[in-house]
Amino acid sequence: NVRTLWSFAATDVMSQVFTRIGVIALTLLVSEQARGIYAAGVMLVGVACLPLLFLGRAAYPSLSRAFREPREFQRIGRHALAWGFGIAALSAIALAIATPSLLVPMLGPGFAGSEAVLMAMAALMFVQGIEIVLGRLPLSANLNVARAAWTSIGACICVALTLATARTYGIEAVIACVVLSYLLDDALPRAERGVAVAE
């Protein structure tokens, strides 16, 4: 059981590192206020990503059953990716539009003036949402160990970039580091990921 499950556990832990390292870095290197603003943004992103989480779980059984039929696997994979990209884009746009008017009423006057920073979290929402959908493809293809390895590499890159830039550039740098790390992880060559995705 340990040999089977360790890769799933490693992926979950390393996925948490992507956003949690920003909270730690801002607390230690910047200020409690910066940490609070960023943590609130991460919570909003988590809520906005729920539809994509449900989509990924809904597509997983069909992808797993179709794995031994490459054309069917590619067809279902393309549909899941198309829906995932669409939902991620719409959710990110909605988050960016809604943030200025809803931020202070929802979170209180202490967040006044941080609208622009939290609007930038829409980019994080988009790339995190795409990762949720893309992550189901290697799992469906029994490549959970490969996914754990690439997620760990992405998390290590995120940690290094965040710690190197947070003190000087603050929240904006933390958001940029997380987004860049997700993009690097998502942009790994198809051959390295070992999954068939739409060309």
C-alpha atoms as a PDB file:
ATOM      1  CA  ASN A   1       0.000   0.000   0.000  1.00  0.00           C
ATOM      2  CA  VAL A   2       2.851   2.401   0.797  1.00  0.00           C
ATOM      3  CA  ARG A   3       4.528   1.666  -2.541  1.00  0.00           C
ATOM      4  CA  THR A   4       1.242   2.376  -4.302  1.00  0.00           C
ATOM      5  CA  LEU A   5       0.188   5.496  -2.421  1.00  0.00           C
ATOM      6  CA  TRP A   6       3.434   7.384  -1.773  1.00  0.00           C
ATOM      7  CA  SER A   7       3.372   9.142  -5.165  1.00  0.00           C
ATOM      8  CA  PHE A   8      -0.174  10.396  -4.593  1.00  0.00           C
ATOM      9  CA  ALA A   9       0.775  11.673  -1.145  1.00  0.00           C
ATOM     10  CA  ALA A  10       3.911  13.340  -2.522  1.00  0.00           C
ATOM     11  CA  THR A  11       1.900  15.056  -5.253  1.00  0.00           C
ATOM     12  CA  ASP A  12      -0.629  16.386  -2.743  1.00  0.00           C
ATOM     13  CA  VAL A  13       2.077  17.678  -0.409  1.00  0.00           C
ATOM     14  CA  MET A  14       4.085  19.321  -3.181  1.00  0.00           C
ATOM     15  CA  SER A  15       0.953  20.865  -4.686  1.00  0.00           C
ATOM     16  CA  GLN A  16       0.336  22.609  -1.373  1.00  0.00           C
ATOM     17  CA  VAL A  17       3.885  24.004  -1.452  1.00  0.00           C
ATOM     18  CA  PHE A  18       3.133  26.080  -4.560  1.00  0.00           C
ATOM     19  CA  THR A  19       0.893  28.491  -2.691  1.00  0.00           C
ATOM     20  CA  ARG A  20       1.829  27.898   0.944  1.00  0.00           C
ATOM     21  CA  ILE A  21       5.468  28.921   0.481  1.00  0.00           C
ATOM     22  CA  GLY A  22       4.222  32.428  -0.298  1.00  0.00           C
ATOM     23  CA  VAL A  23       2.465  32.650   3.053  1.00  0.00           C
ATOM     24  CA  ILE A  24       5.625  31.559   4.868  1.00  0.00           C
ATOM     25  CA  ALA A  25       7.926  33.840   2.871  1.00  0.00           C
ATOM     26  CA  LEU A  26       5.725  36.903   3.315  1.00  0.00           C
ATOM     27  CA  THR A  27       5.394  36.260   7.049  1.00  0.00           C
ATOM     28  CA  LEU A  28       9.144  35.896   7.572  1.00  0.00           C
ATOM     29  CA  LEU A  29      10.499  38.338   5.002  1.00  0.00           C
ATOM     30  CA  VAL A  30       7.871  41.061   4.507  1.00  0.00           C
ATOM     31  CA  SER A  31       5.028  41.653   6.985  1.00  0.00           C
ATOM     32  CA  GLU A  32       1.968  40.137   8.606  1.00  0.00           C
ATOM     33  CA  GLN A  33      -0.223  42.470   6.554  1.00  0.00           C
ATOM     34  CA  ALA A  34       1.264  41.210   3.299  1.00  0.00           C
ATOM     35  CA  ARG A  35       0.804  37.652   4.494  1.00  0.00           C
ATOM     36  CA  GLY A  36      -2.850  38.324   5.327  1.00  0.00           C
ATOM     37  CA  ILE A  37      -3.613  39.826   1.922  1.00  0.00           C
ATOM     38  CA  TYR A  38      -1.912  36.976   0.093  1.00  0.00           C
ATOM     39  CA  ALA A  39      -3.584  34.305   2.255  1.00  0.00           C
ATOM     40  CA  ALA A  40      -6.988  35.852   1.553  1.00  0.00           C
ATOM     41  CA  GLY A  41      -6.234  35.767  -2.156  1.00  0.00           C
ATOM     42  CA  VAL A  42      -5.225  32.115  -1.967  1.00  0.00           C
ATOM     43  CA  MET A  43      -8.525  31.314  -0.268  1.00  0.00           C
ATOM     44  CA  LEU A  44     -10.460  33.103  -3.019  1.00  0.00           C
ATOM     45  CA  VAL A  45      -8.508  31.180  -5.650  1.00  0.00           C
ATOM     46  CA  GLY A  46      -9.277  27.916  -3.895  1.00  0.00           C
ATOM     47  CA  VAL A  47     -13.002  28.636  -3.971  1.00  0.00           C
ATOM     48  CA  ALA A  48     -12.856  29.709  -7.628  1.00  0.00           C
ATOM     49  CA  CYS A  49     -11.076  26.448  -8.553  1.00  0.00           C
ATOM     50  CA  LEU A  50     -13.788  24.189  -7.113  1.00  0.00           C
ATOM     51  CA  PRO A  51     -15.663  23.763 -10.442  1.00  0.00           C
ATOM     52  CA  LEU A  52     -12.418  22.594 -12.065  1.00  0.00           C
ATOM     53  CA  LEU A  53     -11.780  20.181  -9.219  1.00  0.00           C
ATOM     54  CA  PHE A  54     -15.222  18.683  -9.784  1.00  0.00           C
ATOM     55  CA  LEU A  55     -14.607  18.529 -13.553  1.00  0.00           C
ATOM     56  CA  GLY A  56     -11.325  16.709 -13.055  1.00  0.00           C
ATOM     57  CA  ARG A  57     -12.922  14.158 -10.771  1.00  0.00           C
ATOM     58  CA  ALA A  58     -15.842  13.678 -13.143  1.00  0.00           C
ATOM     59  CA  ALA A  59     -13.529  13.072 -16.129  1.00  0.00           C
ATOM     60  CA  TYR A  60     -11.166  10.729 -14.280  1.00  0.00           C
ATOM     61  CA  PRO A  61     -13.203   7.480 -14.550  1.00  0.00           C
ATOM     62  CA  SER A  62     -13.810   7.912 -18.288  1.00  0.00           C
ATOM     63  CA  LEU A  63     -10.163   8.742 -18.930  1.00  0.00           C
ATOM     64  CA  SER A  64      -9.006   5.718 -16.937  1.00  0.00           C
ATOM     65  CA  ARG A  65     -11.320   3.356 -18.816  1.00  0.00           C
ATOM     66  CA  ALA A  66     -10.225   4.785 -22.177  1.00  0.00           C
ATOM     67  CA  PHE A  67      -6.493   4.637 -21.473  1.00  0.00           C
ATOM     68  CA  ARG A  68      -5.961   1.419 -23.462  1.00  0.00           C
ATOM     69  CA  GLU A  69      -7.690   2.944 -26.481  1.00  0.00           C
ATOM     70  CA  PRO A  70      -5.453   5.853 -27.575  1.00  0.00           C
ATOM     71  CA  ARG A  71      -7.974   7.546 -29.862  1.00  0.00           C
ATOM     72  CA  GLU A  72     -10.708   7.470 -27.244  1.00  0.00           C
ATOM     73  CA  PHE A  73      -8.268   8.647 -24.585  1.00  0.00           C
ATOM     74  CA  GLN A  74      -7.212  11.574 -26.759  1.00  0.00           C
ATOM     75  CA  ARG A  75     -10.827  12.437 -27.567  1.00  0.00           C
ATOM     76  CA  ILE A  76     -11.907  12.517 -23.930  1.00  0.00           C
ATOM     77  CA  GLY A  77      -8.671  14.254 -22.950  1.00  0.00           C
ATOM     78  CA  ARG A  78      -9.253  16.993 -25.514  1.00  0.00           C
ATOM     79  CA  HIS A  79     -12.788  17.557 -24.251  1.00  0.00           C
ATOM     80  CA  ALA A  80     -11.621  17.707 -20.643  1.00  0.00           C
ATOM     81  CA  LEU A  81      -8.864  20.166 -21.546  1.00  0.00           C
ATOM     82  CA  ALA A  82     -11.202  22.343 -23.616  1.00  0.00           C
ATOM     83  CA  TRP A  83     -13.768  22.530 -20.822  1.00  0.00           C
ATOM     84  CA  GLY A  84     -10.997  23.045 -18.271  1.00  0.00           C
ATOM     85  CA  PHE A  85      -9.403  25.919 -20.165  1.00  0.00           C
ATOM     86  CA  GLY A  86     -12.789  27.528 -20.717  1.00  0.00           C
ATOM     87  CA  ILE A  87     -13.901  27.266 -17.102  1.00  0.00           C
ATOM     88  CA  ALA A  88     -10.492  28.415 -15.838  1.00  0.00           C
ATOM     89  CA  ALA A  89     -10.532  31.450 -18.139  1.00  0.00           C
ATOM     90  CA  LEU A  90     -14.089  32.435 -17.230  1.00  0.00           C
ATOM     91  CA  SER A  91     -13.447  31.957 -13.511  1.00  0.00           C
ATOM     92  CA  ALA A  92     -10.268  34.039 -13.674  1.00  0.00           C
ATOM     93  CA  ILE A  93     -12.063  36.845 -15.522  1.00  0.00           C
ATOM     94  CA  ALA A  94     -14.947  36.754 -13.037  1.00  0.00           C
ATOM     95  CA  LEU A  95     -12.503  36.874 -10.118  1.00  0.00           C
ATOM     96  CA  ALA A  96     -10.684  39.868 -11.604  1.00  0.00           C
ATOM     97  CA  ILE A  97     -13.928  41.727 -12.295  1.00  0.00           C
ATOM     98  CA  ALA A  98     -15.605  40.963  -8.963  1.00  0.00           C
ATOM     99  CA  THR A  99     -12.624  41.680  -6.710  1.00  0.00           C
ATOM    100  CA  PRO A 100     -12.745  45.523  -6.697  1.00  0.00           C
ATOM    101  CA  SER A 101     -16.416  45.751  -5.738  1.00  0.00           C
ATOM    102  CA  LEU A 102     -16.651  42.784  -3.358  1.00  0.00           C
ATOM    103  CA  LEU A 103     -13.294  42.838  -1.576  1.00  0.00           C
ATOM    104  CA  VAL A 104     -13.997  45.327   1.216  1.00  0.00           C
ATOM    105  CA  PRO A 105     -17.635  44.244   1.830  1.00  0.00           C
ATOM    106  CA  MET A 106     -16.551  40.603   2.082  1.00  0.00           C
ATOM    107  CA  LEU A 107     -13.231  40.866   3.927  1.00  0.00           C
ATOM    108  CA  GLY A 108     -13.447  44.193   5.739  1.00  0.00           C
ATOM    109  CA  PRO A 109     -11.888  47.665   5.529  1.00  0.00           C
ATOM    110  CA  GLY A 110      -8.438  46.300   6.324  1.00  0.00           C
ATOM    111  CA  PHE A 111      -8.229  45.105   2.725  1.00  0.00           C
ATOM    112  CA  ALA A 112      -8.955  48.508   1.194  1.00  0.00           C
ATOM    113  CA  GLY A 113      -6.212  49.434  -1.238  1.00  0.00           C
ATOM    114  CA  SER A 114      -5.244  45.845  -1.991  1.00  0.00           C
ATOM    115  CA  GLU A 115      -7.703  45.410  -4.847  1.00  0.00           C
ATOM    116  CA  ALA A 116      -5.027  45.464  -7.554  1.00  0.00           C
ATOM    117  CA  VAL A 117      -2.949  42.836  -5.778  1.00  0.00           C
ATOM    118  CA  LEU A 118      -5.887  40.496  -5.341  1.00  0.00           C
ATOM    119  CA  MET A 119      -6.979  41.072  -8.934  1.00  0.00           C
ATOM    120  CA  ALA A 120      -3.565  39.742  -9.944  1.00  0.00           C
ATOM    121  CA  MET A 121      -4.505  36.516  -8.190  1.00  0.00           C
ATOM    122  CA  ALA A 122      -6.770  35.840 -11.196  1.00  0.00           C
ATOM    123  CA  ALA A 123      -3.646  34.782 -13.095  1.00  0.00           C
ATOM    124  CA  LEU A 124      -2.838  32.337 -10.309  1.00  0.00           C
ATOM    125  CA  MET A 125      -6.411  31.047 -10.437  1.00  0.00           C
ATOM    126  CA  PHE A 126      -6.082  30.385 -14.166  1.00  0.00           C
ATOM    127  CA  VAL A 127      -2.824  28.438 -14.055  1.00  0.00           C
ATOM    128  CA  GLN A 128      -3.821  26.524 -10.925  1.00  0.00           C
ATOM    129  CA  GLY A 129      -7.115  25.590 -12.551  1.00  0.00           C
ATOM    130  CA  ILE A 130      -5.342  24.335 -15.660  1.00  0.00           C
ATOM    131  CA  GLU A 131      -3.009  22.257 -13.493  1.00  0.00           C
ATOM    132  CA  ILE A 132      -5.996  20.627 -11.787  1.00  0.00           C
ATOM    133  CA  VAL A 133      -7.323  19.459 -15.161  1.00  0.00           C
ATOM    134  CA  LEU A 134      -3.933  18.522 -16.639  1.00  0.00           C
ATOM    135  CA  GLY A 135      -3.061  16.587 -13.513  1.00  0.00           C
ATOM    136  CA  ARG A 136      -5.814  14.051 -14.192  1.00  0.00           C
ATOM    137  CA  LEU A 137      -4.235  12.956 -17.493  1.00  0.00           C
ATOM    138  CA  PRO A 138      -1.080  11.314 -16.090  1.00  0.00           C
ATOM    139  CA  LEU A 139      -3.113   9.793 -13.253  1.00  0.00           C
ATOM    140  CA  SER A 140      -5.474   8.258 -15.790  1.00  0.00           C
ATOM    141  CA  ALA A 141      -2.463   6.873 -17.669  1.00  0.00           C
ATOM    142  CA  ASN A 142      -0.976   5.284 -14.525  1.00  0.00           C
ATOM    143  CA  LEU A 143       1.832   7.854 -14.488  1.00  0.00           C
ATOM    144  CA  ASN A 144       1.323   8.973 -10.908  1.00  0.00           C
ATOM    145  CA  VAL A 145       5.041   8.588 -10.108  1.00  0.00           C
ATOM    146  CA  ALA A 146       6.001  10.822 -13.057  1.00  0.00           C
ATOM    147  CA  ARG A 147       3.431  13.387 -11.961  1.00  0.00           C
ATOM    148  CA  ALA A 148       4.814  13.345  -8.435  1.00  0.00           C
ATOM    149  CA  ALA A 149       8.325  13.926  -9.786  1.00  0.00           C
ATOM    150  CA  TRP A 150       7.330  16.878 -11.986  1.00  0.00           C
ATOM    151  CA  THR A 151       5.162  18.419  -9.289  1.00  0.00           C
ATOM    152  CA  SER A 152       8.102  18.173  -6.885  1.00  0.00           C
ATOM    153  CA  ILE A 153      10.403  19.876  -9.379  1.00  0.00           C
ATOM    154  CA  GLY A 154       7.880  22.660  -9.918  1.00  0.00           C
ATOM    155  CA  ALA A 155       7.451  23.105  -6.165  1.00  0.00           C
ATOM    156  CA  CYS A 156      11.215  23.345  -5.621  1.00  0.00           C
ATOM    157  CA  ILE A 157      11.500  25.970  -8.360  1.00  0.00           C
ATOM    158  CA  CYS A 158       8.636  27.891  -6.760  1.00  0.00           C
ATOM    159  CA  VAL A 159      10.309  27.799  -3.331  1.00  0.00           C
ATOM    160  CA  ALA A 160      13.641  28.999  -4.715  1.00  0.00           C
ATOM    161  CA  LEU A 161      12.127  31.847  -6.733  1.00  0.00           C
ATOM    162  CA  THR A 162       9.834  32.957  -3.917  1.00  0.00           C
ATOM    163  CA  LEU A 163      12.541  33.062  -1.266  1.00  0.00           C
ATOM    164  CA  ALA A 164      14.860  34.923  -3.652  1.00  0.00           C
ATOM    165  CA  THR A 165      12.386  37.671  -4.543  1.00  0.00           C
ATOM    166  CA  ALA A 166       9.803  38.067  -1.766  1.00  0.00           C
ATOM    167  CA  ARG A 167      11.812  40.387   0.495  1.00  0.00           C
ATOM    168  CA  THR A 168      12.592  42.845  -2.299  1.00  0.00           C
ATOM    169  CA  TYR A 169       9.414  42.772  -4.380  1.00  0.00           C
ATOM    170  CA  GLY A 170       6.701  41.621  -1.962  1.00  0.00           C
ATOM    171  CA  ILE A 171       3.342  40.095  -2.838  1.00  0.00           C
ATOM    172  CA  GLU A 172       3.604  40.803  -6.556  1.00  0.00           C
ATOM    173  CA  ALA A 173       6.789  38.738  -6.753  1.00  0.00           C
ATOM    174  CA  VAL A 174       5.238  35.865  -4.814  1.00  0.00           C
ATOM    175  CA  ILE A 175       2.253  35.745  -7.168  1.00  0.00           C
ATOM    176  CA  ALA A 176       4.540  35.924 -10.212  1.00  0.00           C
ATOM    177  CA  CYS A 177       6.740  33.113  -8.861  1.00  0.00           C
ATOM    178  CA  VAL A 178       3.788  30.809  -8.298  1.00  0.00           C
ATOM    179  CA  VAL A 179       2.316  31.566 -11.728  1.00  0.00           C
ATOM    180  CA  LEU A 180       5.677  31.021 -13.442  1.00  0.00           C
ATOM    181  CA  SER A 181       6.228  27.746 -11.591  1.00  0.00           C
ATOM    182  CA  TYR A 182       2.812  26.455 -12.609  1.00  0.00           C
ATOM    183  CA  LEU A 183       3.472  27.463 -16.222  1.00  0.00           C
ATOM    184  CA  LEU A 184       6.802  25.637 -16.218  1.00  0.00           C
ATOM    185  CA  ASP A 185       5.149  22.556 -14.774  1.00  0.00           C
ATOM    186  CA  ASP A 186       2.242  22.708 -17.239  1.00  0.00           C
ATOM    187  CA  ALA A 187       4.538  23.287 -20.213  1.00  0.00           C
ATOM    188  CA  LEU A 188       6.642  20.158 -19.759  1.00  0.00           C
ATOM    189  CA  PRO A 189       6.985  18.285 -23.057  1.00  0.00           C
ATOM    190  CA  ARG A 190       4.309  15.716 -23.762  1.00  0.00           C
ATOM    191  CA  ALA A 191       6.942  13.007 -24.085  1.00  0.00           C
ATOM    192  CA  GLU A 192       8.252  13.778 -20.620  1.00  0.00           C
ATOM    193  CA  ARG A 193       4.816  13.725 -19.100  1.00  0.00           C
ATOM    194  CA  GLY A 194       4.019  10.573 -21.012  1.00  0.00           C
ATOM    195  CA  VAL A 195       0.438  11.541 -21.773  1.00  0.00           C
ATOM    196  CA  ALA A 196      -1.333  12.262 -25.015  1.00  0.00           C
ATOM    197  CA  VAL A 197      -2.731  15.758 -25.191  1.00  0.00           C
ATOM    198  CA  ALA A 198      -4.226  17.689 -28.037  1.00  0.00           C
ATOM    199  CA  GLU A 199      -1.581  19.039 -30.403  1.00  0.00           C
END
